[in-house]
Amino acid sequence: MNTQNQPTDENVKDLVCPDCRAELTRRRTRKPDACEMLCGGCGQIFDVCDLETVEKLKQT
């Protein structure tokens, strides 16, 4: 298992949706995936283990 790309709370606390600028939160499911985060505004799901996606989501 590759834990190198696993997101931590510190890594993802400043992420916002590129479309609606709402803050991203952890997705709440019975079997949560550490890589999935959910937009609090429009409901899009983002993969925060993908480095390109994380760069797009960081606040500018």
C-alpha atoms as a PDB file:
ATOM      1  CA  MET A   1       0.000   0.000   0.000  1.00  0.00           C
ATOM      2  CA  ASN A   2       1.362   3.408  -0.973  1.00  0.00           C
ATOM      3  CA  THR A   3       0.929   5.794   1.960  1.00  0.00           C
ATOM      4  CA  GLN A   4       3.120   8.483   0.419  1.00  0.00           C
ATOM      5  CA  ASN A   5       0.183  10.188  -1.332  1.00  0.00           C
ATOM      6  CA  GLN A   6      -2.271   9.786   1.544  1.00  0.00           C
ATOM      7  CA  PRO A   7      -3.686  13.215   2.441  1.00  0.00           C
ATOM      8  CA  THR A   8      -3.497  14.532   5.981  1.00  0.00           C
ATOM      9  CA  ASP A   9      -5.747  17.112   7.612  1.00  0.00           C
ATOM     10  CA  GLU A  10      -2.953  19.679   7.363  1.00  0.00           C
ATOM     11  CA  ASN A  11      -2.520  19.071   3.629  1.00  0.00           C
ATOM     12  CA  VAL A  12      -6.180  19.495   2.763  1.00  0.00           C
ATOM     13  CA  LYS A  13      -7.424  22.173   5.171  1.00  0.00           C
ATOM     14  CA  ASP A  14      -7.013  25.021   2.654  1.00  0.00           C
ATOM     15  CA  LEU A  15      -8.641  23.364  -0.340  1.00  0.00           C
ATOM     16  CA  VAL A  16     -11.604  25.005  -2.064  1.00  0.00           C
ATOM     17  CA  CYS A  17     -13.768  24.083  -5.044  1.00  0.00           C
ATOM     18  CA  PRO A  18     -12.492  25.681  -8.269  1.00  0.00           C
ATOM     19  CA  ASP A  19     -16.076  26.288  -9.473  1.00  0.00           C
ATOM     20  CA  CYS A  20     -17.988  27.669  -6.486  1.00  0.00           C
ATOM     21  CA  ARG A  21     -15.061  28.438  -4.111  1.00  0.00           C
ATOM     22  CA  ALA A  22     -16.735  26.532  -1.233  1.00  0.00           C
ATOM     23  CA  GLU A  23     -14.585  24.672   1.271  1.00  0.00           C
ATOM     24  CA  LEU A  24     -13.996  20.945   0.784  1.00  0.00           C
ATOM     25  CA  THR A  25     -14.852  18.469   3.520  1.00  0.00           C
ATOM     26  CA  ARG A  26     -14.213  14.767   4.074  1.00  0.00           C
ATOM     27  CA  ARG A  27     -16.844  12.579   2.502  1.00  0.00           C
ATOM     28  CA  ARG A  28     -18.899  10.758   5.152  1.00  0.00           C
ATOM     29  CA  THR A  29     -19.668   7.171   4.207  1.00  0.00           C
ATOM     30  CA  ARG A  30     -19.602   3.788   5.889  1.00  0.00           C
ATOM     31  CA  LYS A  31     -16.322   2.981   4.169  1.00  0.00           C
ATOM     32  CA  PRO A  32     -14.631   6.376   3.781  1.00  0.00           C
ATOM     33  CA  ASP A  33     -11.913   6.810   1.177  1.00  0.00           C
ATOM     34  CA  ALA A  34      -9.128   9.066   2.450  1.00  0.00           C
ATOM     35  CA  CYS A  35      -8.609  10.376  -1.076  1.00  0.00           C
ATOM     36  CA  GLU A  36     -12.162  11.650  -1.637  1.00  0.00           C
ATOM     37  CA  MET A  37     -13.294  15.083  -0.555  1.00  0.00           C
ATOM     38  CA  LEU A  38     -16.677  16.670  -1.157  1.00  0.00           C
ATOM     39  CA  CYS A  39     -17.483  20.277  -2.052  1.00  0.00           C
ATOM     40  CA  GLY A  40     -19.787  21.864   0.520  1.00  0.00           C
ATOM     41  CA  GLY A  41     -21.398  24.075  -2.129  1.00  0.00           C
ATOM     42  CA  CYS A  42     -21.989  22.217  -5.388  1.00  0.00           C
ATOM     43  CA  GLY A  43     -21.396  18.635  -4.200  1.00  0.00           C
ATOM     44  CA  GLN A  44     -18.567  17.698  -6.565  1.00  0.00           C
ATOM     45  CA  ILE A  45     -16.220  14.938  -5.418  1.00  0.00           C
ATOM     46  CA  PHE A  46     -12.462  15.462  -5.756  1.00  0.00           C
ATOM     47  CA  ASP A  47      -9.550  13.008  -5.535  1.00  0.00           C
ATOM     48  CA  VAL A  48      -7.019  14.712  -3.251  1.00  0.00           C
ATOM     49  CA  CYS A  49      -4.450  11.934  -3.672  1.00  0.00           C
ATOM     50  CA  ASP A  50      -3.875  13.173  -7.228  1.00  0.00           C
ATOM     51  CA  LEU A  51      -1.199  15.893  -7.012  1.00  0.00           C
ATOM     52  CA  GLU A  52      -2.500  17.762 -10.083  1.00  0.00           C
ATOM     53  CA  THR A  53      -5.980  17.966  -8.567  1.00  0.00           C
ATOM     54  CA  VAL A  54      -4.608  19.261  -5.266  1.00  0.00           C
ATOM     55  CA  GLU A  55      -2.714  22.062  -7.020  1.00  0.00           C
ATOM     56  CA  LYS A  56      -5.932  23.169  -8.748  1.00  0.00           C
ATOM     57  CA  LEU A  57      -7.837  23.186  -5.451  1.00  0.00           C
ATOM     58  CA  LYS A  58      -5.385  25.190  -3.365  1.00  0.00           C
ATOM     59  CA  GLN A  59      -6.383  28.745  -2.648  1.00  0.00           C
ATOM     60  CA  THR A  60      -4.610  31.361  -4.707  1.00  0.00           C
END
